[in-house]
Protein backbone atom coordinates (compact mmCIF):
# COMPACT_ATOMS: atom_id res chain seq x y z
CA UNK A 1 14.07 47.14 -125.21
CA UNK A 2 11.85 44.81 -127.44
CA UNK A 3 11.15 42.47 -124.10
CA UNK A 4 10.00 42.98 -120.55
CA UNK A 5 13.74 43.09 -118.31
CA UNK A 6 14.17 40.40 -115.78
CA UNK A 7 16.50 42.54 -113.51
CA UNK A 8 16.66 46.30 -113.29
CA UNK A 9 19.35 48.63 -111.28
CA UNK A 10 17.28 51.60 -110.09
CA UNK A 11 19.50 54.33 -108.72
CA UNK A 12 17.95 57.41 -106.74
CA UNK A 13 20.10 60.20 -106.10
CA UNK A 14 19.60 63.67 -104.61
CA UNK A 15 17.78 65.65 -106.85
CA UNK A 16 13.92 66.47 -106.30
CA UNK A 17 11.60 63.92 -107.52
CA UNK A 18 11.93 61.08 -105.15
CA UNK A 19 7.62 60.72 -105.79
CA UNK A 20 9.17 59.23 -109.39
CA UNK A 21 11.34 56.79 -107.94
CA UNK A 22 9.12 55.31 -105.60
CA UNK A 23 6.24 55.20 -108.10
CA UNK A 24 8.72 53.46 -110.42
CA UNK A 25 9.82 50.96 -107.58
CA UNK A 26 6.32 49.91 -106.89
CA UNK A 27 5.32 49.53 -110.69
CA UNK A 28 8.78 47.51 -111.28
CA UNK A 29 8.03 44.99 -108.42
CA UNK A 30 4.20 44.81 -109.21
CA UNK A 31 5.54 43.71 -112.88
CA UNK A 32 7.67 40.89 -111.06
CA UNK A 33 10.80 42.64 -112.03
CA UNK A 34 13.72 42.03 -109.85
CA UNK A 35 15.40 45.57 -108.60
CA UNK A 36 18.60 46.31 -107.31
CA UNK A 37 18.41 49.58 -105.56
CA UNK A 38 21.21 51.94 -104.88
CA UNK A 39 20.26 55.11 -102.62
CA UNK A 40 22.77 57.87 -102.49
CA UNK A 41 22.83 59.78 -98.88
CA UNK A 42 21.58 62.81 -100.55
CA UNK A 43 18.68 60.95 -101.70
CA UNK A 44 17.82 60.21 -98.10
CA UNK A 45 17.86 63.81 -97.05
CA UNK A 46 15.60 64.56 -100.00
CA UNK A 47 13.30 61.88 -99.32
CA UNK A 48 12.90 63.01 -95.51
CA UNK A 49 11.95 66.62 -97.35
CA UNK A 50 9.35 65.37 -99.96
CA UNK A 51 7.90 62.67 -98.39
CA UNK A 52 6.15 61.84 -94.90
CA UNK A 53 8.18 58.39 -94.20
CA UNK A 54 11.78 58.28 -92.87
CA UNK A 55 13.69 55.54 -94.53
CA UNK A 56 16.30 53.35 -92.98
CA UNK A 57 19.75 53.87 -93.68
CA UNK A 58 21.27 50.68 -93.93
CA UNK A 59 20.71 49.01 -97.34
CA UNK A 60 19.28 45.66 -96.07
CA UNK A 61 16.85 47.59 -93.69
CA UNK A 62 15.81 49.75 -96.57
CA UNK A 63 14.99 46.75 -98.55
CA UNK A 64 13.29 45.20 -95.91
CA UNK A 65 11.27 48.48 -95.53
CA UNK A 66 10.26 49.08 -99.25
CA UNK A 67 9.55 45.04 -99.68
CA UNK A 68 6.94 45.14 -96.83
CA UNK A 69 5.47 48.80 -98.07
CA UNK A 70 5.08 47.42 -101.60
CA UNK A 71 3.92 43.73 -100.50
CA UNK A 72 6.68 42.33 -102.79
CA UNK A 73 7.96 38.79 -102.62
CA UNK A 74 11.11 37.97 -100.94
CA UNK A 75 14.08 38.27 -103.16
CA UNK A 76 12.87 40.56 -105.29
CA UNK A 77 14.29 43.84 -103.88
CA UNK A 78 17.89 43.99 -102.77
CA UNK A 79 19.43 47.47 -101.75
CA UNK A 80 23.17 48.39 -102.01
CA UNK A 81 25.56 50.82 -100.46
CA UNK A 82 27.09 53.69 -101.79
CA UNK A 83 30.62 52.02 -101.34
CA UNK A 84 29.58 48.44 -101.35
CA UNK A 85 32.40 47.66 -104.42
CA UNK A 86 31.74 43.50 -104.21
CA UNK A 87 27.97 44.11 -105.56
CA UNK A 88 27.04 42.67 -108.64
CA UNK A 89 26.62 45.77 -110.47
CA UNK A 90 30.06 46.63 -109.93
CA UNK A 91 31.24 44.08 -112.71
CA UNK A 92 30.29 43.42 -116.01
CA UNK A 93 29.82 39.64 -115.32
CA UNK A 94 26.78 40.50 -113.53
CA UNK A 95 25.10 43.58 -115.55
CA UNK A 96 21.52 44.26 -115.22
CA UNK A 97 19.05 43.65 -118.09
CA UNK A 98 18.69 47.50 -117.75
CA UNK A 99 19.26 50.80 -115.45
CA UNK A 100 17.30 53.90 -114.36
CA UNK A 101 18.78 56.92 -112.40
CA UNK A 102 15.87 58.49 -111.20
CA UNK A 103 16.01 61.36 -110.32
CA UNK A 104 19.17 62.17 -111.52
CA UNK A 105 21.34 65.16 -109.97
CA UNK A 106 23.37 66.94 -112.78
CA UNK A 107 26.33 66.05 -110.62
CA UNK A 108 25.58 62.38 -111.10
CA UNK A 109 25.05 62.97 -115.07
CA UNK A 110 28.38 64.71 -115.28
CA UNK A 111 30.13 61.79 -113.31
CA UNK A 112 28.64 59.11 -115.53
CA UNK A 113 29.61 61.25 -118.52
CA UNK A 114 32.85 61.43 -117.30
CA UNK A 115 33.28 57.97 -116.21
CA UNK A 116 34.19 58.82 -112.74
CA UNK A 117 33.08 55.60 -111.04
CA UNK A 118 33.73 56.97 -107.56
CA UNK A 119 30.72 55.20 -106.24
CA UNK A 120 28.93 52.09 -107.02
CA UNK A 121 25.84 54.53 -108.65
CA UNK A 122 28.31 55.80 -110.96
CA UNK A 123 30.16 52.38 -111.54
CA UNK A 124 27.30 50.71 -112.06
CA UNK A 125 26.15 53.16 -114.85
CA UNK A 126 29.39 52.84 -116.14
CA UNK A 127 29.16 49.00 -116.44
CA UNK A 128 25.88 49.39 -118.25
CA UNK A 129 27.26 51.75 -120.85
CA UNK A 130 30.30 49.65 -121.52
CA UNK A 131 28.23 46.39 -121.98
CA UNK A 132 25.95 48.38 -124.00
CA UNK A 133 22.48 47.82 -122.00
CA UNK A 134 20.06 50.63 -121.53
CA UNK A 135 20.58 53.32 -119.40
CA UNK A 136 18.02 55.97 -118.61
CA UNK A 137 18.77 59.19 -116.78
CA UNK A 138 15.96 61.01 -115.44
CA UNK A 139 17.50 64.43 -114.58
CA UNK A 140 15.60 66.99 -112.47
CA UNK A 141 17.07 70.25 -112.75
CA UNK A 142 15.98 73.99 -114.22
CA UNK A 143 16.97 75.69 -116.21
CA UNK A 144 19.66 73.43 -117.85
CA UNK A 145 23.14 75.27 -118.39
CA UNK A 146 25.66 74.54 -121.40
CA UNK A 147 27.22 72.12 -119.17
CA UNK A 148 24.61 70.09 -118.30
CA UNK A 149 23.48 70.05 -122.20
CA UNK A 150 26.85 69.06 -123.40
CA UNK A 151 26.87 66.22 -120.89
CA UNK A 152 23.55 64.80 -122.00
CA UNK A 153 24.48 65.26 -125.78
CA UNK A 154 27.50 63.17 -125.00
CA UNK A 155 25.80 60.78 -122.98
CA UNK A 156 22.60 60.39 -125.57
CA UNK A 157 25.37 59.78 -128.36
CA UNK A 158 26.71 56.65 -126.45
CA UNK A 159 22.94 55.80 -126.72
CA UNK A 160 21.84 56.77 -123.16
CA UNK A 161 18.27 57.62 -122.95
CA UNK A 162 17.79 61.05 -121.35
CA UNK A 163 14.35 61.30 -119.81
CA UNK A 164 13.31 64.67 -118.12
CA UNK A 165 10.52 64.33 -115.60
CA UNK A 166 8.18 66.75 -118.02
CA UNK A 167 4.62 65.73 -117.42
CA UNK A 168 2.16 66.20 -120.20
CA UNK A 169 -1.27 67.61 -119.55
CA UNK A 170 -3.41 66.04 -122.53
CA UNK A 171 -4.57 63.65 -120.15
CA UNK A 172 -6.05 65.84 -117.81
CA UNK A 173 -4.49 65.68 -114.46
CA UNK A 174 -6.23 66.36 -111.25
CA UNK A 175 -3.76 65.49 -108.83
CA UNK A 176 0.22 65.23 -108.48
CA UNK A 177 -0.11 61.58 -108.67
CA UNK A 178 -1.12 61.97 -112.00
CA UNK A 179 1.59 64.02 -113.25
CA UNK A 180 4.25 61.62 -111.52
CA UNK A 181 2.48 58.65 -113.17
CA UNK A 182 2.85 60.33 -116.71
CA UNK A 183 6.40 60.39 -116.56
CA UNK A 184 6.83 56.96 -114.81
CA UNK A 185 4.93 55.74 -117.64
CA UNK A 186 7.34 57.09 -120.15
CA UNK A 187 9.73 55.00 -118.28
CA UNK A 188 8.35 52.07 -118.25
CA UNK A 189 7.80 52.17 -121.83
CA UNK A 190 11.16 52.53 -122.59
CA UNK A 191 11.96 49.61 -120.26
CA UNK A 192 9.36 47.52 -122.11
CA UNK A 193 7.49 46.79 -118.86
CA UNK A 194 3.68 46.71 -119.42
CA UNK A 195 1.60 49.19 -117.20
CA UNK A 196 -1.94 50.84 -117.21
CA UNK A 197 -0.85 53.98 -115.71
CA UNK A 198 -2.48 56.31 -118.00
CA UNK A 199 -4.37 55.95 -121.50
CA UNK A 200 -1.94 56.28 -124.50
CA UNK A 201 -2.24 59.05 -127.04
CA UNK A 202 -5.62 58.81 -129.15
CA UNK A 203 -7.06 55.87 -127.32
CA UNK A 204 -9.72 57.78 -125.80
CA UNK A 205 -11.02 59.09 -128.75
CA UNK A 206 -14.39 58.33 -130.21
CA UNK A 207 -14.77 55.93 -133.03
CA UNK A 208 -16.25 57.39 -136.07
């Protein structure tokens, strides 16, 4: 993308890596990017394991909870349910400028690759692909099987960005949050959203 998007769909599925999703959401809202949030049932279960904060199950309550958490202006964040087929994201006439699935289960990856569209996350991704908008998938699994890799290759050939959460260490991370920021910074780069999460390669080198 060449310009910061005004509207991004963020889907959170039941893979490990909920801190990536929350940090990405925080950065998008801080940059005044409107976010349509999709949370799978499994993502709620994983969030309970990986964070100390219980999340409301109802989409409206979830959006309000996260708006307060990140002090976001009204109207900047809206959440939708798994079966909300009347949501704007289900139609190509109201497609977001970009979509991120973070973290992305291999099951969701497979469903998107096969165009199943059995829930709103899968349908929204299908719409983004057919409307030729940027789609970024952050698959959190290890090791990858040949099935996973074949699905990734199929999607990559369609222009989907496959961005596994593999943090680097050249920035000398000292906290878990530093590793999270490394991955989120790469996602923001692909969305053309400015950030200062960490120095870019070579920025800290002394001038000759």
